[in-house]
PDB file of N, CA and C in Angstrom:
ATOM      1  N   UNK A   1       0.843  -1.174   0.000  1.00  0.00           N
ATOM      2  CA  UNK A   1       0.000   0.000   0.000  1.00  0.00           C
ATOM      3  C   UNK A   1       0.892   1.242   0.000  1.00  0.00           C
ATOM      4  N   UNK A   2       0.590   2.162  -0.855  1.00  0.00           N
ATOM      5  CA  UNK A   2       1.338   3.408  -0.923  1.00  0.00           C
ATOM      6  C   UNK A   2       0.689   4.455  -0.024  1.00  0.00           C
ATOM      7  N   UNK A   3       1.383   5.587   0.154  1.00  0.00           N
ATOM      8  CA  UNK A   3       0.830   6.663   0.963  1.00  0.00           C
ATOM      9  C   UNK A   3      -0.466   7.187   0.349  1.00  0.00           C
ATOM     10  N   UNK A   4      -0.511   7.272  -0.975  1.00  0.00           N
ATOM     11  CA  UNK A   4      -1.720   7.761  -1.655  1.00  0.00           C
ATOM     12  C   UNK A   4      -2.901   6.817  -1.399  1.00  0.00           C
ATOM     13  N   UNK A   5      -2.651   5.521  -1.446  1.00  0.00           N
ATOM     14  CA  UNK A   5      -3.724   4.550  -1.177  1.00  0.00           C
ATOM     15  C   UNK A   5      -4.175   4.630   0.278  1.00  0.00           C
ATOM     16  N   UNK A   6      -3.223   4.813   1.188  1.00  0.00           N
ATOM     17  CA  UNK A   6      -3.563   4.959   2.604  1.00  0.00           C
ATOM     18  C   UNK A   6      -4.430   6.191   2.825  1.00  0.00           C
ATOM     19  N   UNK A   7      -4.051   7.296   2.211  1.00  0.00           N
ATOM     20  CA  UNK A   7      -4.823   8.540   2.332  1.00  0.00           C
ATOM     21  C   UNK A   7      -6.230   8.336   1.771  1.00  0.00           C
ATOM     22  N   UNK A   8      -6.356   7.665   0.635  1.00  0.00           N
ATOM     23  CA  UNK A   8      -7.675   7.416   0.038  1.00  0.00           C
ATOM     24  C   UNK A   8      -8.557   6.593   0.953  1.00  0.00           C
ATOM     25  N   UNK A   9      -8.005   5.526   1.535  1.00  0.00           N
ATOM     26  CA  UNK A   9      -8.804   4.664   2.424  1.00  0.00           C
ATOM     27  C   UNK A   9      -9.240   5.405   3.679  1.00  0.00           C
ATOM     28  N   UNK A  10      -8.323   6.165   4.276  1.00  0.00           N
ATOM     29  CA  UNK A  10      -8.676   6.925   5.477  1.00  0.00           C
ATOM     30  C   UNK A  10      -9.732   7.968   5.140  1.00  0.00           C
ATOM     31  N   UNK A  11      -9.579   8.617   3.998  1.00  0.00           N
ATOM     32  CA  UNK A  11     -10.532   9.629   3.566  1.00  0.00           C
ATOM     33  C   UNK A  11     -11.921   9.036   3.372  1.00  0.00           C
ATOM     34  N   UNK A  12     -11.991   7.863   2.740  1.00  0.00           N
ATOM     35  CA  UNK A  12     -13.282   7.198   2.534  1.00  0.00           C
ATOM     36  C   UNK A  12     -13.936   6.811   3.855  1.00  0.00           C
ATOM     37  N   UNK A  13     -13.154   6.260   4.779  1.00  0.00           N
ATOM     38  CA  UNK A  13     -13.713   5.785   6.053  1.00  0.00           C
ATOM     39  C   UNK A  13     -14.143   6.913   6.976  1.00  0.00           C
ATOM     40  N   UNK A  14     -13.434   8.051   6.931  1.00  0.00           N
ATOM     41  CA  UNK A  14     -13.752   9.141   7.842  1.00  0.00           C
ATOM     42  C   UNK A  14     -14.635  10.219   7.228  1.00  0.00           C
ATOM     43  N   UNK A  15     -14.681  10.287   5.891  1.00  0.00           N
ATOM     44  CA  UNK A  15     -15.468  11.320   5.240  1.00  0.00           C
ATOM     45  C   UNK A  15     -14.763  12.660   5.183  1.00  0.00           C
ATOM     46  N   UNK A  16     -13.467  12.682   5.495  1.00  0.00           N
ATOM     47  CA  UNK A  16     -12.677  13.911   5.455  1.00  0.00           C
ATOM     48  C   UNK A  16     -12.041  14.025   4.068  1.00  0.00           C
ATOM     49  N   UNK A  17     -11.879  15.253   3.580  1.00  0.00           N
ATOM     50  CA  UNK A  17     -11.292  15.470   2.261  1.00  0.00           C
ATOM     51  C   UNK A  17      -9.892  14.862   2.176  1.00  0.00           C
ATOM     52  N   UNK A  18      -9.516  14.460   0.957  1.00  0.00           N
ATOM     53  CA  UNK A  18      -8.208  13.824   0.755  1.00  0.00           C
ATOM     54  C   UNK A  18      -7.055  14.764   1.086  1.00  0.00           C
ATOM     55  N   UNK A  19      -7.175  16.039   0.739  1.00  0.00           N
ATOM     56  CA  UNK A  19      -6.089  16.980   1.028  1.00  0.00           C
ATOM     57  C   UNK A  19      -5.885  17.153   2.531  1.00  0.00           C
ATOM     58  N   UNK A  20      -6.973  17.192   3.276  1.00  0.00           N
ATOM     59  CA  UNK A  20      -6.885  17.303   4.729  1.00  0.00           C
ATOM     60  C   UNK A  20      -6.270  16.035   5.310  1.00  0.00           C
ATOM     61  N   UNK A  21      -6.716  14.889   4.815  1.00  0.00           N
ATOM     62  CA  UNK A  21      -6.180  13.613   5.281  1.00  0.00           C
ATOM     63  C   UNK A  21      -4.692  13.506   4.961  1.00  0.00           C
ATOM     64  N   UNK A  22      -4.295  13.941   3.771  1.00  0.00           N
ATOM     65  CA  UNK A  22      -2.883  13.916   3.388  1.00  0.00           C
ATOM     66  C   UNK A  22      -2.054  14.786   4.329  1.00  0.00           C
ATOM     67  N   UNK A  23      -2.569  15.962   4.673  1.00  0.00           N
ATOM     68  CA  UNK A  23      -1.860  16.858   5.585  1.00  0.00           C
ATOM     69  C   UNK A  23      -1.696  16.210   6.957  1.00  0.00           C
ATOM     70  N   UNK A  24      -2.715  15.501   7.428  1.00  0.00           N
ATOM     71  CA  UNK A  24      -2.658  14.833   8.726  1.00  0.00           C
ATOM     72  C   UNK A  24      -1.634  13.701   8.697  1.00  0.00           C
ATOM     73  N   UNK A  25      -1.659  12.884   7.650  1.00  0.00           N
ATOM     74  CA  UNK A  25      -0.718  11.763   7.529  1.00  0.00           C
ATOM     75  C   UNK A  25       0.717  12.286   7.444  1.00  0.00           C
ATOM     76  N   UNK A  26       0.937  13.316   6.631  1.00  0.00           N
ATOM     77  CA  UNK A  26       2.266  13.921   6.505  1.00  0.00           C
ATOM     78  C   UNK A  26       2.741  14.470   7.843  1.00  0.00           C
ATOM     79  N   UNK A  27       1.839  15.146   8.544  1.00  0.00           N
ATOM     80  CA  UNK A  27       2.182  15.726   9.841  1.00  0.00           C
ATOM     81  C   UNK A  27       2.546  14.636  10.848  1.00  0.00           C
ATOM     82  N   UNK A  28       1.805  13.543  10.848  1.00  0.00           N
ATOM     83  CA  UNK A  28       2.093  12.433  11.759  1.00  0.00           C
ATOM     84  C   UNK A  28       3.471  11.840  11.469  1.00  0.00           C
ATOM     85  N   UNK A  29       3.764  11.615  10.193  1.00  0.00           N
ATOM     86  CA  UNK A  29       5.070  11.052   9.827  1.00  0.00           C
ATOM     87  C   UNK A  29       6.204  11.999  10.202  1.00  0.00           C
ATOM     88  N   UNK A  30       6.008  13.299   9.993  1.00  0.00           N
ATOM     89  CA  UNK A  30       7.034  14.275  10.356  1.00  0.00           C
ATOM     90  C   UNK A  30       7.266  14.321  11.857  1.00  0.00           C
ATOM     91  N   UNK A  31       6.200  14.248  12.648  1.00  0.00           N
ATOM     92  CA  UNK A  31       6.343  14.254  14.107  1.00  0.00           C
ATOM     93  C   UNK A  31       7.072  13.014  14.595  1.00  0.00           C
ATOM     94  N   UNK A  32       6.794  11.859  13.994  1.00  0.00           N
ATOM     95  CA  UNK A  32       7.501  10.629  14.366  1.00  0.00           C
ATOM     96  C   UNK A  32       8.984  10.769  14.016  1.00  0.00           C
ATOM     97  N   UNK A  33       9.291  11.276  12.816  1.00  0.00           N
ATOM     98  CA  UNK A  33      10.688  11.471  12.408  1.00  0.00           C
ATOM     99  C   UNK A  33      11.400  12.446  13.339  1.00  0.00           C
ATOM    100  N   UNK A  34      10.739  13.557  13.674  1.00  0.00           N
ATOM    101  CA  UNK A  34      11.351  14.557  14.546  1.00  0.00           C
ATOM    102  C   UNK A  34      11.616  13.990  15.938  1.00  0.00           C
ATOM    103  N   UNK A  35      10.680  13.210  16.454  1.00  0.00           N
ATOM    104  CA  UNK A  35      10.856  12.624  17.787  1.00  0.00           C
ATOM    105  C   UNK A  35      12.005  11.629  17.802  1.00  0.00           C
ATOM    106  N   UNK A  36      12.082  10.777  16.789  1.00  0.00           N
ATOM    107  CA  UNK A  36      13.176   9.804  16.727  1.00  0.00           C
ATOM    108  C   UNK A  36      14.510  10.520  16.551  1.00  0.00           C
ATOM    109  N   UNK A  37      14.543  11.583  15.753  1.00  0.00           N
ATOM    110  CA  UNK A  37      15.769  12.362  15.568  1.00  0.00           C
ATOM    111  C   UNK A  37      16.209  13.025  16.867  1.00  0.00           C
ATOM    112  N   UNK A  38      15.258  13.339  17.746  1.00  0.00           N
ATOM    113  CA  UNK A  38      15.566  13.935  19.040  1.00  0.00           C
ATOM    114  C   UNK A  38      15.824  12.867  20.102  1.00  0.00           C
ATOM    115  N   UNK A  39      15.998  11.614  19.683  1.00  0.00           N
ATOM    116  CA  UNK A  39      16.277  10.477  20.563  1.00  0.00           C
ATOM    117  C   UNK A  39      15.123  10.205  21.528  1.00  0.00           C
ATOM    118  N   UNK A  40      13.899  10.384  21.063  1.00  0.00           N
ATOM    119  CA  UNK A  40      12.704  10.096  21.858  1.00  0.00           C
ATOM    120  C   UNK A  40      11.913   8.990  21.175  1.00  0.00           C
ATOM    121  N   UNK A  41      11.271   8.147  21.979  1.00  0.00           N
ATOM    122  CA  UNK A  41      10.438   7.079  21.439  1.00  0.00           C
ATOM    123  C   UNK A  41       9.010   7.584  21.260  1.00  0.00           C
ATOM    124  N   UNK A  42       8.296   6.998  20.307  1.00  0.00           N
ATOM    125  CA  UNK A  42       6.888   7.322  20.069  1.00  0.00           C
ATOM    126  C   UNK A  42       6.083   6.057  20.329  1.00  0.00           C
ATOM    127  N   UNK A  43       5.225   6.084  21.356  1.00  0.00           N
ATOM    128  CA  UNK A  43       4.421   4.934  21.729  1.00  0.00           C
ATOM    129  C   UNK A  43       2.996   5.110  21.214  1.00  0.00           C
ATOM    130  N   UNK A  44       2.530   4.186  20.383  1.00  0.00           N
ATOM    131  CA  UNK A  44       1.154   4.202  19.897  1.00  0.00           C
ATOM    132  C   UNK A  44       0.479   2.944  20.440  1.00  0.00           C
ATOM    133  N   UNK A  45      -0.291   3.112  21.500  1.00  0.00           N
ATOM    134  CA  UNK A  45      -0.908   1.980  22.184  1.00  0.00           C
ATOM    135  C   UNK A  45      -1.737   1.134  21.213  1.00  0.00           C
ATOM    136  N   UNK A  46      -1.502  -0.170  21.235  1.00  0.00           N
ATOM    137  CA  UNK A  46      -2.218  -1.089  20.370  1.00  0.00           C
ATOM    138  C   UNK A  46      -1.623  -1.210  18.981  1.00  0.00           C
ATOM    139  N   UNK A  47      -0.611  -0.394  18.673  1.00  0.00           N
ATOM    140  CA  UNK A  47       0.022  -0.433  17.355  1.00  0.00           C
ATOM    141  C   UNK A  47       1.500  -0.788  17.478  1.00  0.00           C
ATOM    142  N   UNK A  48       2.265   0.017  18.213  1.00  0.00           N
ATOM    143  CA  UNK A  48       3.674  -0.283  18.390  1.00  0.00           C
ATOM    144  C   UNK A  48       4.472   0.927  18.823  1.00  0.00           C
ATOM    145  N   UNK A  49       5.794   0.752  18.830  1.00  0.00           N
ATOM    146  CA  UNK A  49       6.704   1.786  19.283  1.00  0.00           C
ATOM    147  C   UNK A  49       7.749   2.071  18.214  1.00  0.00           C
ATOM    148  N   UNK A  50       7.911   3.346  17.910  1.00  0.00           N
ATOM    149  CA  UNK A  50       8.988   3.806  17.036  1.00  0.00           C
ATOM    150  C   UNK A  50      10.059   4.379  17.956  1.00  0.00           C
ATOM    151  N   UNK A  51      11.316   3.938  17.789  1.00  0.00           N
ATOM    152  CA  UNK A  51      12.376   4.476  18.632  1.00  0.00           C
ATOM    153  C   UNK A  51      13.715   4.397  17.920  1.00  0.00           C
ATOM    154  N   UNK A  52      14.670   5.234  18.352  1.00  0.00           N
ATOM    155  CA  UNK A  52      16.005   5.154  17.771  1.00  0.00           C
ATOM    156  C   UNK A  52      16.747   3.965  18.373  1.00  0.00           C
ATOM    157  N   UNK A  53      17.496   3.269  17.544  1.00  0.00           N
ATOM    158  CA  UNK A  53      18.252   2.104  17.996  1.00  0.00           C
ATOM    159  C   UNK A  53      19.721   2.349  17.684  1.00  0.00           C
ATOM    160  N   UNK A  54      20.579   2.132  18.674  1.00  0.00           N
ATOM    161  CA  UNK A  54      22.010   2.386  18.496  1.00  0.00           C
ATOM    162  C   UNK A  54      22.686   1.168  17.878  1.00  0.00           C
ATOM    163  N   UNK A  55      23.455   1.421  16.828  1.00  0.00           N
ATOM    164  CA  UNK A  55      24.271   0.387  16.199  1.00  0.00           C
ATOM    165  C   UNK A  55      25.713   0.611  16.630  1.00  0.00           C
ATOM    166  N   UNK A  56      26.381  -0.430  17.055  1.00  0.00           N
ATOM    167  CA  UNK A  56      27.759  -0.326  17.516  1.00  0.00           C
ATOM    168  C   UNK A  56      28.713  -0.140  16.339  1.00  0.00           C
ATOM    169  N   UNK A  57      29.907   0.357  16.655  1.00  0.00           N
ATOM    170  CA  UNK A  57      30.943   0.486  15.634  1.00  0.00           C
ATOM    171  C   UNK A  57      31.344  -0.907  15.164  1.00  0.00           C
ATOM    172  N   UNK A  58      31.615  -1.037  13.867  1.00  0.00           N
ATOM    173  CA  UNK A  58      32.021  -2.340  13.350  1.00  0.00           C
ATOM    174  C   UNK A  58      32.985  -2.167  12.189  1.00  0.00           C
ATOM    175  N   UNK A  59      33.636  -3.267  11.840  1.00  0.00           N
ATOM    176  CA  UNK A  59      34.576  -3.271  10.740  1.00  0.00           C
ATOM    177  C   UNK A  59      33.884  -3.816   9.504  1.00  0.00           C
ATOM    178  N   UNK A  60      34.024  -3.114   8.393  1.00  0.00           N
ATOM    179  CA  UNK A  60      33.448  -3.549   7.131  1.00  0.00           C
ATOM    180  C   UNK A  60      34.545  -3.687   6.086  1.00  0.00           C
ATOM    181  N   UNK A  61      34.167  -4.117   4.907  1.00  0.00           N
ATOM    182  CA  UNK A  61      35.145  -4.290   3.830  1.00  0.00           C
ATOM    183  C   UNK A  61      34.674  -3.582   2.569  1.00  0.00           C
ATOM    184  N   UNK A  62      35.611  -2.914   1.909  1.00  0.00           N
ATOM    185  CA  UNK A  62      35.379  -2.349   0.596  1.00  0.00           C
ATOM    186  C   UNK A  62      35.868  -3.403  -0.392  1.00  0.00           C
ATOM    187  N   UNK A  63      34.957  -4.118  -1.014  1.00  0.00           N
ATOM    188  CA  UNK A  63      35.307  -5.244  -1.866  1.00  0.00           C
ATOM    189  C   UNK A  63      36.096  -4.797  -3.096  1.00  0.00           C
ATOM    190  N   UNK A  64      35.751  -3.662  -3.673  1.00  0.00           N
ATOM    191  CA  UNK A  64      36.435  -3.189  -4.877  1.00  0.00           C
ATOM    192  C   UNK A  64      37.916  -2.899  -4.636  1.00  0.00           C
ATOM    193  N   UNK A  65      38.214  -2.284  -3.485  1.00  0.00           N
ATOM    194  CA  UNK A  65      39.602  -1.918  -3.179  1.00  0.00           C
ATOM    195  C   UNK A  65      40.287  -2.945  -2.279  1.00  0.00           C
ATOM    196  N   UNK A  66      39.533  -3.934  -1.796  1.00  0.00           N
ATOM    197  CA  UNK A  66      40.033  -4.969  -0.900  1.00  0.00           C
ATOM    198  C   UNK A  66      40.678  -4.364   0.349  1.00  0.00           C
ATOM    199  N   UNK A  67      39.969  -3.417   0.963  1.00  0.00           N
ATOM    200  CA  UNK A  67      40.456  -2.772   2.179  1.00  0.00           C
ATOM    201  C   UNK A  67      39.386  -2.871   3.266  1.00  0.00           C
ATOM    202  N   UNK A  68      39.826  -2.754   4.513  1.00  0.00           N
ATOM    203  CA  UNK A  68      38.873  -2.734   5.622  1.00  0.00           C
ATOM    204  C   UNK A  68      38.575  -1.280   5.968  1.00  0.00           C
ATOM    205  N   UNK A  69      37.350  -1.045   6.388  1.00  0.00           N
ATOM    206  CA  UNK A  69      36.938   0.296   6.803  1.00  0.00           C
ATOM    207  C   UNK A  69      36.224   0.179   8.137  1.00  0.00           C
ATOM    208  N   UNK A  70      36.273   1.230   8.905  1.00  0.00           N
ATOM    209  CA  UNK A  70      35.570   1.287  10.187  1.00  0.00           C
ATOM    210  C   UNK A  70      34.238   1.992   9.959  1.00  0.00           C
ATOM    211  N   UNK A  71      33.156   1.310  10.296  1.00  0.00           N
ATOM    212  CA  UNK A  71      31.825   1.915  10.226  1.00  0.00           C
ATOM    213  C   UNK A  71      31.516   2.436  11.621  1.00  0.00           C
ATOM    214  N   UNK A  72      31.398   3.752  11.790  1.00  0.00           N
ATOM    215  CA  UNK A  72      31.219   4.314  13.134  1.00  0.00           C
ATOM    216  C   UNK A  72      29.860   3.950  13.739  1.00  0.00           C
ATOM    217  N   UNK A  73      29.773   4.055  15.061  1.00  0.00           N
ATOM    218  CA  UNK A  73      28.506   3.827  15.750  1.00  0.00           C
ATOM    219  C   UNK A  73      27.499   4.867  15.279  1.00  0.00           C
ATOM    220  N   UNK A  74      26.255   4.462  15.138  1.00  0.00           N
ATOM    221  CA  UNK A  74      25.223   5.379  14.664  1.00  0.00           C
ATOM    222  C   UNK A  74      23.854   4.890  15.142  1.00  0.00           C
ATOM    223  N   UNK A  75      22.845   5.733  14.980  1.00  0.00           N
ATOM    224  CA  UNK A  75      21.470   5.394  15.347  1.00  0.00           C
ATOM    225  C   UNK A  75      20.658   5.150  14.084  1.00  0.00           C
ATOM    226  N   UNK A  76      19.731   4.192  14.167  1.00  0.00           N
ATOM    227  CA  UNK A  76      18.800   3.927  13.074  1.00  0.00           C
ATOM    228  C   UNK A  76      17.393   3.906  13.656  1.00  0.00           C
ATOM    229  N   UNK A  77      16.375   4.208  12.853  1.00  0.00           N
ATOM    230  CA  UNK A  77      15.001   4.106  13.352  1.00  0.00           C
ATOM    231  C   UNK A  77      14.585   2.646  13.437  1.00  0.00           C
ATOM    232  N   UNK A  78      13.830   2.314  14.479  1.00  0.00           N
ATOM    233  CA  UNK A  78      13.355   0.944  14.666  1.00  0.00           C
ATOM    234  C   UNK A  78      11.872   0.979  15.037  1.00  0.00           C
ATOM    235  N   UNK A  79      11.175  -0.094  14.699  1.00  0.00           N
ATOM    236  CA  UNK A  79       9.751  -0.226  15.041  1.00  0.00           C
ATOM    237  C   UNK A  79       9.540  -1.573  15.709  1.00  0.00           C
ATOM    238  N   UNK A  80       8.882  -1.550  16.858  1.00  0.00           N
ATOM    239  CA  UNK A  80       8.523  -2.786  17.551  1.00  0.00           C
ATOM    240  C   UNK A  80       7.004  -2.821  17.657  1.00  0.00           C
ATOM    241  N   UNK A  81       6.361  -3.781  16.982  1.00  0.00           N
ATOM    242  CA  UNK A  81       4.900  -3.835  17.029  1.00  0.00           C
ATOM    243  C   UNK A  81       4.386  -4.261  18.403  1.00  0.00           C
ATOM    244  N   UNK A  82       3.184  -3.797  18.738  1.00  0.00           N
ATOM    245  CA  UNK A  82       2.538  -4.177  19.992  1.00  0.00           C
ATOM    246  C   UNK A  82       2.057  -5.618  19.899  1.00  0.00           C
ATOM    247  N   UNK A  83       1.922  -6.269  21.052  1.00  0.00           N
ATOM    248  CA  UNK A  83       1.486  -7.673  21.082  1.00  0.00           C
ATOM    249  C   UNK A  83       0.123  -7.846  20.422  1.00  0.00           C
ATOM    250  N   UNK A  84      -0.780  -6.895  20.653  1.00  0.00           N
ATOM    251  CA  UNK A  84      -2.116  -6.952  20.059  1.00  0.00           C
ATOM    252  C   UNK A  84      -2.006  -6.935  18.533  1.00  0.00           C
ATOM    253  N   UNK A  85      -1.145  -6.097  18.015  1.00  0.00           N
ATOM    254  CA  UNK A  85      -0.925  -5.979  16.573  1.00  0.00           C
ATOM    255  C   UNK A  85      -0.348  -7.276  16.005  1.00  0.00           C
ATOM    256  N   UNK A  86       0.634  -7.835  16.683  1.00  0.00           N
ATOM    257  CA  UNK A  86       1.263  -9.081  16.237  1.00  0.00           C
ATOM    258  C   UNK A  86       0.240 -10.211  16.208  1.00  0.00           C
ATOM    259  N   UNK A  87      -0.563 -10.327  17.253  1.00  0.00           N
ATOM    260  CA  UNK A  87      -1.568 -11.389  17.325  1.00  0.00           C
ATOM    261  C   UNK A  87      -2.608 -11.245  16.215  1.00  0.00           C
ATOM    262  N   UNK A  88      -3.029 -10.028  15.945  1.00  0.00           N
ATOM    263  CA  UNK A  88      -4.008  -9.786  14.894  1.00  0.00           C
ATOM    264  C   UNK A  88      -3.466 -10.193  13.526  1.00  0.00           C
ATOM    265  N   UNK A  89      -2.204  -9.881  13.279  1.00  0.00           N
ATOM    266  CA  UNK A  89      -1.582 -10.262  12.005  1.00  0.00           C
ATOM    267  C   UNK A  89      -1.467 -11.791  11.916  1.00  0.00           C
ATOM    268  N   UNK A  90      -1.035 -12.417  13.005  1.00  0.00           N
ATOM    269  CA  UNK A  90      -0.906 -13.886  13.014  1.00  0.00           C
ATOM    270  C   UNK A  90      -2.216 -14.571  12.710  1.00  0.00           C
ATOM    271  N   UNK A  91      -3.303 -14.055  13.263  1.00  0.00           N
ATOM    272  CA  UNK A  91      -4.599 -14.704  13.129  1.00  0.00           C
ATOM    273  C   UNK A  91      -5.317 -14.384  11.832  1.00  0.00           C
ATOM    274  N   UNK A  92      -4.965 -13.280  11.167  1.00  0.00           N
ATOM    275  CA  UNK A  92      -5.730 -12.849   9.995  1.00  0.00           C
ATOM    276  C   UNK A  92      -5.029 -12.975   8.656  1.00  0.00           C
ATOM    277  N   UNK A  93      -3.700 -13.097   8.635  1.00  0.00           N
ATOM    278  CA  UNK A  93      -2.987 -13.212   7.361  1.00  0.00           C
ATOM    279  C   UNK A  93      -3.144 -14.628   6.847  1.00  0.00           C
ATOM    280  N   UNK A  94      -3.518 -14.726   5.565  1.00  0.00           N
ATOM    281  CA  UNK A  94      -3.778 -16.050   4.980  1.00  0.00           C
ATOM    282  C   UNK A  94      -2.580 -16.568   4.236  1.00  0.00           C
TER     283      UNK A  94
END
């Protein structure tokens, strides 16, 4: 499902205009991104948690030059689904 399809479905179910729904979806995604960038978790009860996850420093290889490189420690966005969400997917996916 694309963002446009998501906006269309939400718009149909709520009766709100597509442009308004698009603005709400965009705003929600931006707030989640901003919170994770500020090293804060976003908890959506019954859905899941978006949070920054720290990756440790590691050694990698540049195959073309056959050299080792150090990949510095960094943060990546992570999502952990809620138990209710996981159970619903387990029971309903065919």
